[in-house]
Amino acid sequence: MNTHLTPKQIEEYRENGLLAHAAGANMTPGWRRAMTCGFMPDGCTFNGKRNILSTNQMERLKIGDVLNDDSQNPLIYHSAKPCVTPDTVEPYLETV
């Protein structure tokens, strides 16, 4: 069975913003909070699709702009660039 993706399939997956995930069944009678995180490579560019972007971000972005807004998609790890640290996250958390 061929499990390799074509370049077009990879691009479509990256543009979708959905990440396959699963969790065990909630065996309690109550609700269980959940959160998902979608990751993308540093340097990705805007493709014109809204996905999860706010109206303000859609008005500001042009196709081809680098998605480097730390309040929307902070850099989690890079070997040569500064990344998210507790002191950079704290001001953002106060506005949420």
N, C-alpha and C. Protein backbone atom coordinates (compact mmCIF):
# COMPACT_ATOMS: atom_id res chain seq x y z
N MET A 1 0.84 -1.19 0.00
CA MET A 1 0.00 0.00 0.00
C MET A 1 0.88 1.24 0.00
N ASN A 2 0.59 2.18 -0.86
CA ASN A 2 1.36 3.42 -0.95
C ASN A 2 0.84 4.42 0.09
N THR A 3 1.69 4.80 1.05
CA THR A 3 1.27 5.75 2.08
C THR A 3 1.91 7.12 1.88
N HIS A 4 2.59 7.30 0.77
CA HIS A 4 3.24 8.59 0.50
C HIS A 4 2.23 9.58 -0.06
N LEU A 5 2.34 10.83 0.36
CA LEU A 5 1.47 11.89 -0.13
C LEU A 5 2.15 12.63 -1.27
N THR A 6 1.36 13.05 -2.22
CA THR A 6 1.90 13.86 -3.31
C THR A 6 2.12 15.29 -2.78
N PRO A 7 2.95 16.09 -3.44
CA PRO A 7 3.12 17.48 -3.01
C PRO A 7 1.79 18.23 -2.93
N LYS A 8 0.87 17.97 -3.87
CA LYS A 8 -0.44 18.63 -3.85
C LYS A 8 -1.23 18.21 -2.60
N GLN A 9 -1.20 16.94 -2.24
CA GLN A 9 -1.91 16.47 -1.04
C GLN A 9 -1.32 17.10 0.22
N ILE A 10 -0.01 17.22 0.26
CA ILE A 10 0.64 17.84 1.42
C ILE A 10 0.22 19.29 1.55
N GLU A 11 0.20 20.02 0.44
CA GLU A 11 -0.20 21.43 0.47
C GLU A 11 -1.66 21.57 0.90
N GLU A 12 -2.54 20.69 0.39
CA GLU A 12 -3.95 20.74 0.79
C GLU A 12 -4.10 20.47 2.28
N TYR A 13 -3.34 19.53 2.81
CA TYR A 13 -3.40 19.22 4.24
C TYR A 13 -2.93 20.41 5.05
N ARG A 14 -1.83 21.04 4.64
CA ARG A 14 -1.29 22.19 5.36
C ARG A 14 -2.26 23.36 5.33
N GLU A 15 -2.98 23.55 4.23
CA GLU A 15 -3.92 24.66 4.10
C GLU A 15 -5.19 24.44 4.91
N ASN A 16 -5.54 23.21 5.17
CA ASN A 16 -6.80 22.88 5.81
C ASN A 16 -6.87 23.38 7.25
N GLY A 17 -5.82 23.26 8.01
CA GLY A 17 -5.85 23.69 9.40
C GLY A 17 -6.41 22.65 10.34
N LEU A 18 -6.90 21.55 9.83
CA LEU A 18 -7.42 20.50 10.70
C LEU A 18 -6.32 19.48 10.96
N LEU A 19 -6.29 19.00 12.17
CA LEU A 19 -5.28 18.02 12.54
C LEU A 19 -5.99 16.80 13.10
N ALA A 20 -5.76 15.65 12.53
CA ALA A 20 -6.40 14.43 13.04
C ALA A 20 -5.92 14.19 14.47
N HIS A 21 -6.86 13.94 15.35
CA HIS A 21 -6.51 13.70 16.74
C HIS A 21 -7.58 12.82 17.36
N ALA A 22 -7.25 12.27 18.50
CA ALA A 22 -8.22 11.41 19.20
C ALA A 22 -7.91 11.40 20.68
N ALA A 23 -8.91 11.08 21.45
CA ALA A 23 -8.76 10.93 22.89
C ALA A 23 -9.63 9.76 23.31
N GLY A 24 -9.29 9.16 24.42
CA GLY A 24 -10.11 8.07 24.93
C GLY A 24 -11.50 8.58 25.28
N ALA A 25 -12.43 7.66 25.38
CA ALA A 25 -13.81 8.03 25.71
C ALA A 25 -13.90 8.67 27.09
N ASN A 26 -14.77 9.65 27.23
CA ASN A 26 -15.02 10.28 28.52
C ASN A 26 -15.98 9.36 29.28
N MET A 27 -15.48 8.65 30.26
CA MET A 27 -16.29 7.68 31.00
C MET A 27 -16.97 8.31 32.22
N THR A 28 -16.90 9.63 32.36
CA THR A 28 -17.54 10.31 33.48
C THR A 28 -18.91 10.83 33.04
N PRO A 29 -19.78 11.17 33.98
CA PRO A 29 -21.08 11.73 33.60
C PRO A 29 -21.02 13.20 33.21
N GLY A 30 -19.86 13.85 33.42
CA GLY A 30 -19.75 15.28 33.15
C GLY A 30 -19.02 15.59 31.86
N TRP A 31 -18.93 16.89 31.57
CA TRP A 31 -18.20 17.37 30.40
C TRP A 31 -16.70 17.27 30.63
N ARG A 32 -15.96 17.15 29.57
CA ARG A 32 -14.50 17.17 29.65
C ARG A 32 -14.02 18.24 28.69
N ARG A 33 -13.26 19.20 29.23
CA ARG A 33 -12.71 20.25 28.37
C ARG A 33 -11.59 19.67 27.53
N ALA A 34 -11.45 20.22 26.35
CA ALA A 34 -10.39 19.76 25.45
C ALA A 34 -9.84 20.94 24.67
N MET A 35 -8.64 20.78 24.21
CA MET A 35 -8.00 21.82 23.41
C MET A 35 -7.14 21.13 22.36
N THR A 36 -7.10 21.70 21.18
CA THR A 36 -6.21 21.19 20.15
C THR A 36 -5.27 22.30 19.71
N CYS A 37 -4.14 21.92 19.24
CA CYS A 37 -3.16 22.87 18.72
C CYS A 37 -2.77 22.43 17.32
N GLY A 38 -2.81 23.36 16.40
CA GLY A 38 -2.35 23.07 15.05
C GLY A 38 -0.98 23.72 14.86
N PHE A 39 -0.05 23.00 14.35
CA PHE A 39 1.30 23.50 14.14
C PHE A 39 1.58 23.63 12.65
N MET A 40 2.41 24.61 12.31
CA MET A 40 2.83 24.77 10.91
C MET A 40 4.28 25.22 10.90
N PRO A 41 4.98 24.97 9.83
CA PRO A 41 6.39 25.35 9.76
C PRO A 41 6.58 26.86 9.77
N ASP A 42 7.68 27.32 10.34
CA ASP A 42 8.05 28.73 10.32
C ASP A 42 8.19 29.17 8.86
N GLY A 43 7.68 30.35 8.56
CA GLY A 43 7.81 30.89 7.21
C GLY A 43 6.60 30.64 6.31
N CYS A 44 5.55 29.98 6.82
CA CYS A 44 4.36 29.75 6.00
C CYS A 44 3.75 31.08 5.60
N THR A 45 3.11 31.09 4.45
CA THR A 45 2.54 32.34 3.92
C THR A 45 1.02 32.22 3.79
N PHE A 46 0.37 33.38 3.80
CA PHE A 46 -1.08 33.47 3.69
C PHE A 46 -1.51 33.07 2.28
N ASN A 47 -2.54 32.19 2.21
CA ASN A 47 -2.99 31.70 0.91
C ASN A 47 -4.32 32.31 0.47
N GLY A 48 -4.87 33.24 1.27
CA GLY A 48 -6.12 33.88 0.91
C GLY A 48 -7.35 33.26 1.54
N LYS A 49 -7.20 32.10 2.18
CA LYS A 49 -8.34 31.43 2.81
C LYS A 49 -8.48 31.89 4.26
N ARG A 50 -9.70 32.14 4.69
CA ARG A 50 -9.93 32.69 6.03
C ARG A 50 -9.56 31.70 7.13
N ASN A 51 -10.04 30.48 7.07
CA ASN A 51 -9.80 29.47 8.09
C ASN A 51 -10.13 30.04 9.47
N ILE A 52 -9.15 30.29 10.33
CA ILE A 52 -9.43 30.76 11.70
C ILE A 52 -9.06 32.22 11.91
N LEU A 53 -8.74 32.92 10.86
CA LEU A 53 -8.30 34.31 11.00
C LEU A 53 -9.46 35.25 11.30
N SER A 54 -9.18 36.27 12.09
CA SER A 54 -10.19 37.27 12.42
C SER A 54 -10.43 38.19 11.21
N THR A 55 -11.49 38.97 11.28
CA THR A 55 -11.79 39.94 10.23
C THR A 55 -10.64 40.93 10.09
N ASN A 56 -10.11 41.39 11.22
CA ASN A 56 -9.00 42.33 11.22
C ASN A 56 -7.78 41.74 10.50
N GLN A 57 -7.46 40.49 10.80
CA GLN A 57 -6.32 39.85 10.15
C GLN A 57 -6.56 39.66 8.66
N MET A 58 -7.78 39.30 8.28
CA MET A 58 -8.10 39.12 6.86
C MET A 58 -7.95 40.43 6.09
N GLU A 59 -8.35 41.53 6.71
CA GLU A 59 -8.23 42.84 6.04
C GLU A 59 -6.78 43.27 5.89
N ARG A 60 -5.93 42.85 6.83
CA ARG A 60 -4.53 43.26 6.85
C ARG A 60 -3.64 42.40 5.94
N LEU A 61 -3.95 41.11 5.83
CA LEU A 61 -3.08 40.19 5.09
C LEU A 61 -3.33 40.22 3.59
N LYS A 62 -2.26 40.02 2.85
CA LYS A 62 -2.33 39.85 1.39
C LYS A 62 -1.76 38.47 1.07
N ILE A 63 -2.22 37.86 0.00
CA ILE A 63 -1.70 36.55 -0.39
C ILE A 63 -0.19 36.63 -0.53
N GLY A 64 0.49 35.70 0.11
CA GLY A 64 1.95 35.66 0.08
C GLY A 64 2.60 36.25 1.32
N ASP A 65 1.83 36.99 2.16
CA ASP A 65 2.40 37.53 3.40
C ASP A 65 2.80 36.39 4.33
N VAL A 66 3.92 36.55 5.00
CA VAL A 66 4.37 35.55 5.97
C VAL A 66 3.47 35.63 7.20
N LEU A 67 3.03 34.47 7.69
CA LEU A 67 2.18 34.40 8.88
C LEU A 67 3.06 34.43 10.12
N ASN A 68 3.41 35.64 10.56
CA ASN A 68 4.33 35.77 11.69
C ASN A 68 3.77 36.65 12.80
N ASP A 69 2.46 36.63 13.00
CA ASP A 69 1.80 37.37 14.07
C ASP A 69 1.85 36.53 15.34
N ASP A 70 2.70 36.93 16.29
CA ASP A 70 2.89 36.14 17.50
C ASP A 70 1.62 35.97 18.33
N SER A 71 0.65 36.88 18.20
CA SER A 71 -0.58 36.71 18.97
C SER A 71 -1.48 35.64 18.34
N GLN A 72 -1.32 35.37 17.06
CA GLN A 72 -2.12 34.36 16.37
C GLN A 72 -1.40 33.02 16.29
N ASN A 73 -0.15 33.03 15.93
CA ASN A 73 0.61 31.78 15.75
C ASN A 73 2.05 32.00 16.20
N PRO A 74 2.28 31.93 17.52
CA PRO A 74 3.64 32.16 18.03
C PRO A 74 4.62 31.07 17.60
N LEU A 75 5.87 31.46 17.48
CA LEU A 75 6.93 30.51 17.15
C LEU A 75 7.25 29.69 18.39
N ILE A 76 7.01 28.40 18.34
CA ILE A 76 7.21 27.52 19.49
C ILE A 76 8.65 27.07 19.61
N TYR A 77 9.27 26.72 18.49
CA TYR A 77 10.67 26.27 18.52
C TYR A 77 11.36 26.64 17.22
N HIS A 78 12.58 27.12 17.36
CA HIS A 78 13.45 27.34 16.21
C HIS A 78 14.88 27.31 16.75
N SER A 79 15.77 26.68 16.02
CA SER A 79 17.15 26.55 16.51
C SER A 79 17.90 27.87 16.51
N ALA A 80 17.46 28.86 15.73
CA ALA A 80 18.22 30.10 15.63
C ALA A 80 17.41 31.37 15.91
N LYS A 81 16.10 31.25 16.14
CA LYS A 81 15.26 32.42 16.39
C LYS A 81 14.70 32.38 17.81
N PRO A 82 14.44 33.57 18.39
CA PRO A 82 13.80 33.58 19.70
C PRO A 82 12.38 33.03 19.61
N CYS A 83 11.96 32.32 20.64
CA CYS A 83 10.65 31.67 20.62
C CYS A 83 9.82 32.12 21.81
N VAL A 84 8.66 31.52 21.95
CA VAL A 84 7.76 31.83 23.05
C VAL A 84 8.43 31.48 24.37
N THR A 85 8.36 32.42 25.30
CA THR A 85 8.84 32.19 26.66
C THR A 85 7.75 32.69 27.60
N PRO A 86 7.79 32.31 28.87
CA PRO A 86 6.74 32.76 29.79
C PRO A 86 6.56 34.28 29.81
N ASP A 87 7.64 35.05 29.72
CA ASP A 87 7.50 36.50 29.76
C ASP A 87 6.89 37.07 28.48
N THR A 88 7.00 36.36 27.34
CA THR A 88 6.38 36.86 26.12
C THR A 88 4.92 36.43 26.04
N VAL A 89 4.55 35.35 26.71
CA VAL A 89 3.18 34.86 26.67
C VAL A 89 2.30 35.60 27.67
N GLU A 90 2.84 35.96 28.82
CA GLU A 90 2.09 36.59 29.90
C GLU A 90 1.24 37.79 29.45
N PRO A 91 1.77 38.78 28.73
CA PRO A 91 0.93 39.91 28.32
C PRO A 91 -0.23 39.49 27.44
N TYR A 92 -0.02 38.49 26.58
CA TYR A 92 -1.09 38.03 25.71
C TYR A 92 -2.19 37.35 26.53
N LEU A 93 -1.82 36.54 27.50
CA LEU A 93 -2.81 35.83 28.30
C LEU A 93 -3.70 36.79 29.08
N GLU A 94 -3.18 37.93 29.44
CA GLU A 94 -3.97 38.92 30.18
C GLU A 94 -5.07 39.53 29.32
N THR A 95 -4.96 39.46 27.99
CA THR A 95 -5.97 40.04 27.11
C THR A 95 -7.03 39.03 26.71
N VAL A 96 -6.79 37.76 26.99
CA VAL A 96 -7.73 36.70 26.57
C VAL A 96 -8.86 36.57 27.55
